[in-house]
Amino acid sequence: MDKRVIFDFEVDFTNGGGIQGQEFRLDIDSDDISDEELAKYIVKDMRLLMVGEVRILNKRIISEKHKRKPSDEDIEK
């Protein structure tokens, strides 16, 4: 069975404001992922700019089939 991480996140922007996500699910390739890696993924995948602090909350790993097809970038790795 594939691994996924479920977590909440909060992103603050340096020019004010922010966004939040609850129960966000992400396919992962191993049994764990660091908060720093998750933060980088969110910022890159959502193409966020002027990001200040990113907080990862309530993180847990589950066994569940991956939902997202690999991108060309993932395949090249």
PDB file of N, CA and C in Angstrom:
ATOM      1  N   MET A   1       0.842  -1.184   0.000  1.00  0.00           N
ATOM      2  CA  MET A   1       0.000   0.000   0.000  1.00  0.00           C
ATOM      3  C   MET A   1       0.883   1.242   0.000  1.00  0.00           C
ATOM      4  N   ASP A   2       0.480   2.252  -0.729  1.00  0.00           N
ATOM      5  CA  ASP A   2       1.213   3.511  -0.797  1.00  0.00           C
ATOM      6  C   ASP A   2       1.062   4.295   0.503  1.00  0.00           C
ATOM      7  N   LYS A   3       1.948   5.260   0.692  1.00  0.00           N
ATOM      8  CA  LYS A   3       1.913   6.114   1.883  1.00  0.00           C
ATOM      9  C   LYS A   3       1.437   7.504   1.509  1.00  0.00           C
ATOM     10  N   ARG A   4       0.651   8.098   2.396  1.00  0.00           N
ATOM     11  CA  ARG A   4       0.199   9.480   2.248  1.00  0.00           C
ATOM     12  C   ARG A   4       0.347  10.165   3.597  1.00  0.00           C
ATOM     13  N   VAL A   5       0.522  11.464   3.555  1.00  0.00           N
ATOM     14  CA  VAL A   5       0.574  12.249   4.776  1.00  0.00           C
ATOM     15  C   VAL A   5      -0.664  13.146   4.793  1.00  0.00           C
ATOM     16  N   ILE A   6      -1.289  13.226   5.964  1.00  0.00           N
ATOM     17  CA  ILE A   6      -2.425  14.124   6.177  1.00  0.00           C
ATOM     18  C   ILE A   6      -1.962  15.160   7.190  1.00  0.00           C
ATOM     19  N   PHE A   7      -2.230  16.440   6.899  1.00  0.00           N
ATOM     20  CA  PHE A   7      -1.767  17.482   7.807  1.00  0.00           C
ATOM     21  C   PHE A   7      -2.567  18.764   7.596  1.00  0.00           C
ATOM     22  N   ASP A   8      -2.472  19.636   8.582  1.00  0.00           N
ATOM     23  CA  ASP A   8      -2.996  20.985   8.482  1.00  0.00           C
ATOM     24  C   ASP A   8      -1.803  21.899   8.249  1.00  0.00           C
ATOM     25  N   PHE A   9      -2.035  23.057   7.628  1.00  0.00           N
ATOM     26  CA  PHE A   9      -0.937  24.002   7.455  1.00  0.00           C
ATOM     27  C   PHE A   9      -1.439  25.432   7.518  1.00  0.00           C
ATOM     28  N   GLU A  10      -0.527  26.317   7.865  1.00  0.00           N
ATOM     29  CA  GLU A  10      -0.781  27.750   7.875  1.00  0.00           C
ATOM     30  C   GLU A  10       0.403  28.423   7.189  1.00  0.00           C
ATOM     31  N   VAL A  11       0.116  29.316   6.260  1.00  0.00           N
ATOM     32  CA  VAL A  11       1.163  30.051   5.550  1.00  0.00           C
ATOM     33  C   VAL A  11       0.926  31.538   5.775  1.00  0.00           C
ATOM     34  N   ASP A  12       1.956  32.233   6.260  1.00  0.00           N
ATOM     35  CA  ASP A  12       1.912  33.686   6.407  1.00  0.00           C
ATOM     36  C   ASP A  12       2.660  34.307   5.245  1.00  0.00           C
ATOM     37  N   PHE A  13       2.128  35.402   4.730  1.00  0.00           N
ATOM     38  CA  PHE A  13       2.786  36.127   3.657  1.00  0.00           C
ATOM     39  C   PHE A  13       3.491  37.363   4.208  1.00  0.00           C
ATOM     40  N   THR A  14       4.629  37.693   3.631  1.00  0.00           N
ATOM     41  CA  THR A  14       5.419  38.818   4.122  1.00  0.00           C
ATOM     42  C   THR A  14       4.738  40.157   3.847  1.00  0.00           C
ATOM     43  N   ASN A  15       3.809  40.188   2.903  1.00  0.00           N
ATOM     44  CA  ASN A  15       3.092  41.429   2.606  1.00  0.00           C
ATOM     45  C   ASN A  15       1.716  41.470   3.270  1.00  0.00           C
ATOM     46  N   GLY A  16       1.486  40.577   4.236  1.00  0.00           N
ATOM     47  CA  GLY A  16       0.229  40.526   4.964  1.00  0.00           C
ATOM     48  C   GLY A  16      -0.647  39.374   4.513  1.00  0.00           C
ATOM     49  N   GLY A  17      -1.510  38.943   5.394  1.00  0.00           N
ATOM     50  CA  GLY A  17      -2.443  37.871   5.077  1.00  0.00           C
ATOM     51  C   GLY A  17      -1.815  36.491   5.175  1.00  0.00           C
ATOM     52  N   GLY A  18      -2.594  35.496   4.793  1.00  0.00           N
ATOM     53  CA  GLY A  18      -2.118  34.127   4.840  1.00  0.00           C
ATOM     54  C   GLY A  18      -3.190  33.175   4.343  1.00  0.00           C
ATOM     55  N   ILE A  19      -2.849  31.910   4.290  1.00  0.00           N
ATOM     56  CA  ILE A  19      -3.800  30.862   3.915  1.00  0.00           C
ATOM     57  C   ILE A  19      -3.649  29.701   4.881  1.00  0.00           C
ATOM     58  N   GLN A  20      -4.689  28.903   4.953  1.00  0.00           N
ATOM     59  CA  GLN A  20      -4.685  27.717   5.808  1.00  0.00           C
ATOM     60  C   GLN A  20      -5.244  26.540   5.023  1.00  0.00           C
ATOM     61  N   GLY A  21      -4.833  25.357   5.399  1.00  0.00           N
ATOM     62  CA  GLY A  21      -5.388  24.139   4.837  1.00  0.00           C
ATOM     63  C   GLY A  21      -5.618  23.137   5.957  1.00  0.00           C
ATOM     64  N   GLN A  22      -6.725  22.442   5.913  1.00  0.00           N
ATOM     65  CA  GLN A  22      -7.036  21.437   6.923  1.00  0.00           C
ATOM     66  C   GLN A  22      -7.226  20.073   6.254  1.00  0.00           C
ATOM     67  N   GLU A  23      -6.684  19.059   6.919  1.00  0.00           N
ATOM     68  CA  GLU A  23      -6.813  17.676   6.427  1.00  0.00           C
ATOM     69  C   GLU A  23      -6.274  17.540   5.002  1.00  0.00           C
ATOM     70  N   PHE A  24      -5.220  18.282   4.670  1.00  0.00           N
ATOM     71  CA  PHE A  24      -4.582  18.237   3.350  1.00  0.00           C
ATOM     72  C   PHE A  24      -3.892  16.883   3.206  1.00  0.00           C
ATOM     73  N   ARG A  25      -4.045  16.232   2.077  1.00  0.00           N
ATOM     74  CA  ARG A  25      -3.430  14.925   1.836  1.00  0.00           C
ATOM     75  C   ARG A  25      -2.411  15.032   0.718  1.00  0.00           C
ATOM     76  N   LEU A  26      -1.298  14.346   0.915  1.00  0.00           N
ATOM     77  CA  LEU A  26      -0.215  14.399  -0.049  1.00  0.00           C
ATOM     78  C   LEU A  26       0.417  13.017  -0.177  1.00  0.00           C
ATOM     79  N   ASP A  27       0.615  12.560  -1.406  1.00  0.00           N
ATOM     80  CA  ASP A  27       1.310  11.299  -1.649  1.00  0.00           C
ATOM     81  C   ASP A  27       2.778  11.467  -1.286  1.00  0.00           C
ATOM     82  N   ILE A  28       3.351  10.464  -0.614  1.00  0.00           N
ATOM     83  CA  ILE A  28       4.783  10.488  -0.300  1.00  0.00           C
ATOM     84  C   ILE A  28       5.400   9.151  -0.690  1.00  0.00           C
ATOM     85  N   ASP A  29       6.734   9.156  -0.838  1.00  0.00           N
ATOM     86  CA  ASP A  29       7.451   7.966  -1.306  1.00  0.00           C
ATOM     87  C   ASP A  29       8.045   7.122  -0.187  1.00  0.00           C
ATOM     88  N   SER A  30       7.943   7.596   1.061  1.00  0.00           N
ATOM     89  CA  SER A  30       8.559   6.861   2.163  1.00  0.00           C
ATOM     90  C   SER A  30       7.606   6.817   3.346  1.00  0.00           C
ATOM     91  N   ASP A  31       8.102   6.345   4.477  1.00  0.00           N
ATOM     92  CA  ASP A  31       7.276   6.228   5.674  1.00  0.00           C
ATOM     93  C   ASP A  31       7.196   7.517   6.476  1.00  0.00           C
ATOM     94  N   ASP A  32       7.915   8.561   6.063  1.00  0.00           N
ATOM     95  CA  ASP A  32       7.898   9.821   6.794  1.00  0.00           C
ATOM     96  C   ASP A  32       8.333  10.956   5.873  1.00  0.00           C
ATOM     97  N   ILE A  33       8.024  12.183   6.291  1.00  0.00           N
ATOM     98  CA  ILE A  33       8.448  13.389   5.585  1.00  0.00           C
ATOM     99  C   ILE A  33       8.569  14.495   6.625  1.00  0.00           C
ATOM    100  N   SER A  34       9.593  15.298   6.497  1.00  0.00           N
ATOM    101  CA  SER A  34       9.815  16.357   7.495  1.00  0.00           C
ATOM    102  C   SER A  34       8.847  17.518   7.259  1.00  0.00           C
ATOM    103  N   ASP A  35       8.638  18.286   8.312  1.00  0.00           N
ATOM    104  CA  ASP A  35       7.806  19.481   8.194  1.00  0.00           C
ATOM    105  C   ASP A  35       8.404  20.449   7.176  1.00  0.00           C
ATOM    106  N   GLU A  36       9.729  20.543   7.152  1.00  0.00           N
ATOM    107  CA  GLU A  36      10.407  21.441   6.216  1.00  0.00           C
ATOM    108  C   GLU A  36      10.141  21.026   4.763  1.00  0.00           C
ATOM    109  N   GLU A  37      10.189  19.713   4.499  1.00  0.00           N
ATOM    110  CA  GLU A  37       9.911  19.217   3.148  1.00  0.00           C
ATOM    111  C   GLU A  37       8.464  19.508   2.749  1.00  0.00           C
ATOM    112  N   LEU A  38       7.533  19.307   3.686  1.00  0.00           N
ATOM    113  CA  LEU A  38       6.125  19.594   3.403  1.00  0.00           C
ATOM    114  C   LEU A  38       5.926  21.073   3.091  1.00  0.00           C
ATOM    115  N   ALA A  39       6.551  21.930   3.881  1.00  0.00           N
ATOM    116  CA  ALA A  39       6.431  23.374   3.670  1.00  0.00           C
ATOM    117  C   ALA A  39       6.948  23.752   2.283  1.00  0.00           C
ATOM    118  N   LYS A  40       8.111  23.232   1.905  1.00  0.00           N
ATOM    119  CA  LYS A  40       8.672  23.535   0.584  1.00  0.00           C
ATOM    120  C   LYS A  40       7.748  23.045  -0.524  1.00  0.00           C
ATOM    121  N   TYR A  41       7.173  21.862  -0.345  1.00  0.00           N
ATOM    122  CA  TYR A  41       6.277  21.310  -1.354  1.00  0.00           C
ATOM    123  C   TYR A  41       5.048  22.194  -1.550  1.00  0.00           C
ATOM    124  N   ILE A  42       4.435  22.620  -0.451  1.00  0.00           N
ATOM    125  CA  ILE A  42       3.240  23.462  -0.532  1.00  0.00           C
ATOM    126  C   ILE A  42       3.550  24.749  -1.280  1.00  0.00           C
ATOM    127  N   VAL A  43       4.633  25.410  -0.900  1.00  0.00           N
ATOM    128  CA  VAL A  43       5.009  26.683  -1.523  1.00  0.00           C
ATOM    129  C   VAL A  43       5.264  26.502  -3.016  1.00  0.00           C
ATOM    130  N   LYS A  44       6.006  25.462  -3.380  1.00  0.00           N
ATOM    131  CA  LYS A  44       6.330  25.233  -4.793  1.00  0.00           C
ATOM    132  C   LYS A  44       5.095  24.813  -5.595  1.00  0.00           C
ATOM    133  N   ASP A  45       4.344  23.842  -5.079  1.00  0.00           N
ATOM    134  CA  ASP A  45       3.226  23.292  -5.833  1.00  0.00           C
ATOM    135  C   ASP A  45       2.098  24.306  -6.011  1.00  0.00           C
ATOM    136  N   MET A  46       1.905  25.169  -5.025  1.00  0.00           N
ATOM    137  CA  MET A  46       0.851  26.179  -5.104  1.00  0.00           C
ATOM    138  C   MET A  46       1.369  27.488  -5.715  1.00  0.00           C
ATOM    139  N   ARG A  47       2.669  27.494  -6.049  1.00  0.00           N
ATOM    140  CA  ARG A  47       3.302  28.672  -6.669  1.00  0.00           C
ATOM    141  C   ARG A  47       3.097  29.930  -5.843  1.00  0.00           C
ATOM    142  N   LEU A  48       3.318  29.800  -4.543  1.00  0.00           N
ATOM    143  CA  LEU A  48       3.130  30.930  -3.633  1.00  0.00           C
ATOM    144  C   LEU A  48       4.345  31.842  -3.661  1.00  0.00           C
ATOM    145  N   LEU A  49       4.096  33.132  -3.576  1.00  0.00           N
ATOM    146  CA  LEU A  49       5.155  34.136  -3.548  1.00  0.00           C
ATOM    147  C   LEU A  49       5.092  34.899  -2.233  1.00  0.00           C
ATOM    148  N   MET A  50       6.188  35.524  -1.885  1.00  0.00           N
ATOM    149  CA  MET A  50       6.281  36.366  -0.694  1.00  0.00           C
ATOM    150  C   MET A  50       5.842  35.613   0.568  1.00  0.00           C
ATOM    151  N   VAL A  51       6.330  34.385   0.693  1.00  0.00           N
ATOM    152  CA  VAL A  51       5.978  33.523   1.813  1.00  0.00           C
ATOM    153  C   VAL A  51       6.873  33.834   3.007  1.00  0.00           C
ATOM    154  N   GLY A  52       6.248  34.003   4.146  1.00  0.00           N
ATOM    155  CA  GLY A  52       6.967  34.181   5.395  1.00  0.00           C
ATOM    156  C   GLY A  52       7.082  32.836   6.091  1.00  0.00           C
ATOM    157  N   GLU A  53       6.399  32.686   7.191  1.00  0.00           N
ATOM    158  CA  GLU A  53       6.450  31.445   7.968  1.00  0.00           C
ATOM    159  C   GLU A  53       5.422  30.438   7.449  1.00  0.00           C
ATOM    160  N   VAL A  54       5.804  29.155   7.463  1.00  0.00           N
ATOM    161  CA  VAL A  54       4.896  28.053   7.145  1.00  0.00           C
ATOM    162  C   VAL A  54       4.882  27.122   8.347  1.00  0.00           C
ATOM    163  N   ARG A  55       3.691  26.840   8.858  1.00  0.00           N
ATOM    164  CA  ARG A  55       3.547  25.935  10.004  1.00  0.00           C
ATOM    165  C   ARG A  55       2.803  24.676   9.559  1.00  0.00           C
ATOM    166  N   ILE A  56       3.354  23.528   9.931  1.00  0.00           N
ATOM    167  CA  ILE A  56       2.740  22.229   9.665  1.00  0.00           C
ATOM    168  C   ILE A  56       2.189  21.716  10.995  1.00  0.00           C
ATOM    169  N   LEU A  57       0.920  21.321  10.998  1.00  0.00           N
ATOM    170  CA  LEU A  57       0.244  20.917  12.227  1.00  0.00           C
ATOM    171  C   LEU A  57      -0.460  19.573  12.027  1.00  0.00           C
ATOM    172  N   ASN A  58      -0.594  18.826  13.101  1.00  0.00           N
ATOM    173  CA  ASN A  58      -1.397  17.583  13.106  1.00  0.00           C
ATOM    174  C   ASN A  58      -1.009  16.600  12.008  1.00  0.00           C
ATOM    175  N   LYS A  59       0.284  16.449  11.767  1.00  0.00           N
ATOM    176  CA  LYS A  59       0.768  15.574  10.700  1.00  0.00           C
ATOM    177  C   LYS A  59       0.657  14.107  11.110  1.00  0.00           C
ATOM    178  N   ARG A  60       0.154  13.293  10.190  1.00  0.00           N
ATOM    179  CA  ARG A  60       0.141  11.846  10.412  1.00  0.00           C
ATOM    180  C   ARG A  60       0.283  11.133   9.070  1.00  0.00           C
ATOM    181  N   ILE A  61       0.909   9.970   9.108  1.00  0.00           N
ATOM    182  CA  ILE A  61       1.145   9.162   7.910  1.00  0.00           C
ATOM    183  C   ILE A  61       0.110   8.037   7.887  1.00  0.00           C
ATOM    184  N   ILE A  62      -0.464   7.810   6.715  1.00  0.00           N
ATOM    185  CA  ILE A  62      -1.423   6.719   6.564  1.00  0.00           C
ATOM    186  C   ILE A  62      -1.039   5.871   5.355  1.00  0.00           C
ATOM    187  N   SER A  63      -1.566   4.663   5.318  1.00  0.00           N
ATOM    188  CA  SER A  63      -1.417   3.795   4.152  1.00  0.00           C
ATOM    189  C   SER A  63      -2.673   3.948   3.314  1.00  0.00           C
ATOM    190  N   GLU A  64      -2.492   4.441   2.102  1.00  0.00           N
ATOM    191  CA  GLU A  64      -3.614   4.685   1.208  1.00  0.00           C
ATOM    192  C   GLU A  64      -3.061   4.808  -0.202  1.00  0.00           C
ATOM    193  N   LYS A  65      -3.795   4.337  -1.162  1.00  0.00           N
ATOM    194  CA  LYS A  65      -3.347   4.387  -2.553  1.00  0.00           C
ATOM    195  C   LYS A  65      -3.102   5.836  -2.983  1.00  0.00           C
ATOM    196  N   HIS A  66      -2.000   6.047  -3.706  1.00  0.00           N
ATOM    197  CA  HIS A  66      -1.695   7.373  -4.230  1.00  0.00           C
ATOM    198  C   HIS A  66      -2.790   7.824  -5.194  1.00  0.00           C
ATOM    199  N   LYS A  67      -3.104   9.105  -5.158  1.00  0.00           N
ATOM    200  CA  LYS A  67      -4.160   9.673  -6.000  1.00  0.00           C
ATOM    201  C   LYS A  67      -3.622  10.448  -7.189  1.00  0.00           C
ATOM    202  N   ARG A  68      -2.453  11.054  -7.027  1.00  0.00           N
ATOM    203  CA  ARG A  68      -1.909  11.944  -8.049  1.00  0.00           C
ATOM    204  C   ARG A  68      -0.958  11.174  -8.960  1.00  0.00           C
ATOM    205  N   LYS A  69      -1.113  11.373 -10.255  1.00  0.00           N
ATOM    206  CA  LYS A  69      -0.199  10.751 -11.200  1.00  0.00           C
ATOM    207  C   LYS A  69       1.132  11.482 -11.141  1.00  0.00           C
ATOM    208  N   PRO A  70       2.255  10.777 -11.289  1.00  0.00           N
ATOM    209  CA  PRO A  70       3.554  11.446 -11.268  1.00  0.00           C
ATOM    210  C   PRO A  70       3.676  12.434 -12.423  1.00  0.00           C
ATOM    211  N   SER A  71       4.285  13.577 -12.141  1.00  0.00           N
ATOM    212  CA  SER A  71       4.529  14.560 -13.207  1.00  0.00           C
ATOM    213  C   SER A  71       5.788  14.164 -13.962  1.00  0.00           C
ATOM    214  N   ASP A  72       6.021  14.799 -15.105  1.00  0.00           N
ATOM    215  CA  ASP A  72       7.239  14.537 -15.870  1.00  0.00           C
ATOM    216  C   ASP A  72       8.479  14.812 -15.017  1.00  0.00           C
ATOM    217  N   GLU A  73       8.411  15.848 -14.183  1.00  0.00           N
ATOM    218  CA  GLU A  73       9.536  16.190 -13.304  1.00  0.00           C
ATOM    219  C   GLU A  73       9.826  15.061 -12.322  1.00  0.00           C
ATOM    220  N   ASP A  74       8.765  14.444 -11.763  1.00  0.00           N
ATOM    221  CA  ASP A  74       8.945  13.333 -10.827  1.00  0.00           C
ATOM    222  C   ASP A  74       9.571  12.126 -11.523  1.00  0.00           C
ATOM    223  N   ILE A  75       9.162  11.871 -12.755  1.00  0.00           N
ATOM    224  CA  ILE A  75       9.656  10.714 -13.500  1.00  0.00           C
ATOM    225  C   ILE A  75      11.141  10.868 -13.818  1.00  0.00           C
ATOM    226  N   GLU A  76      11.583  12.108 -14.095  1.00  0.00           N
ATOM    227  CA  GLU A  76      12.977  12.360 -14.442  1.00  0.00           C
ATOM    228  C   GLU A  76      13.924  12.140 -13.274  1.00  0.00           C
ATOM    229  N   LYS A  77      13.437  12.180 -12.050  1.00  0.00           N
ATOM    230  CA  LYS A  77      14.293  12.011 -10.864  1.00  0.00           C
ATOM    231  C   LYS A  77      14.769  10.624 -10.777  1.00  0.00           C
TER     232      LYS A  77
END
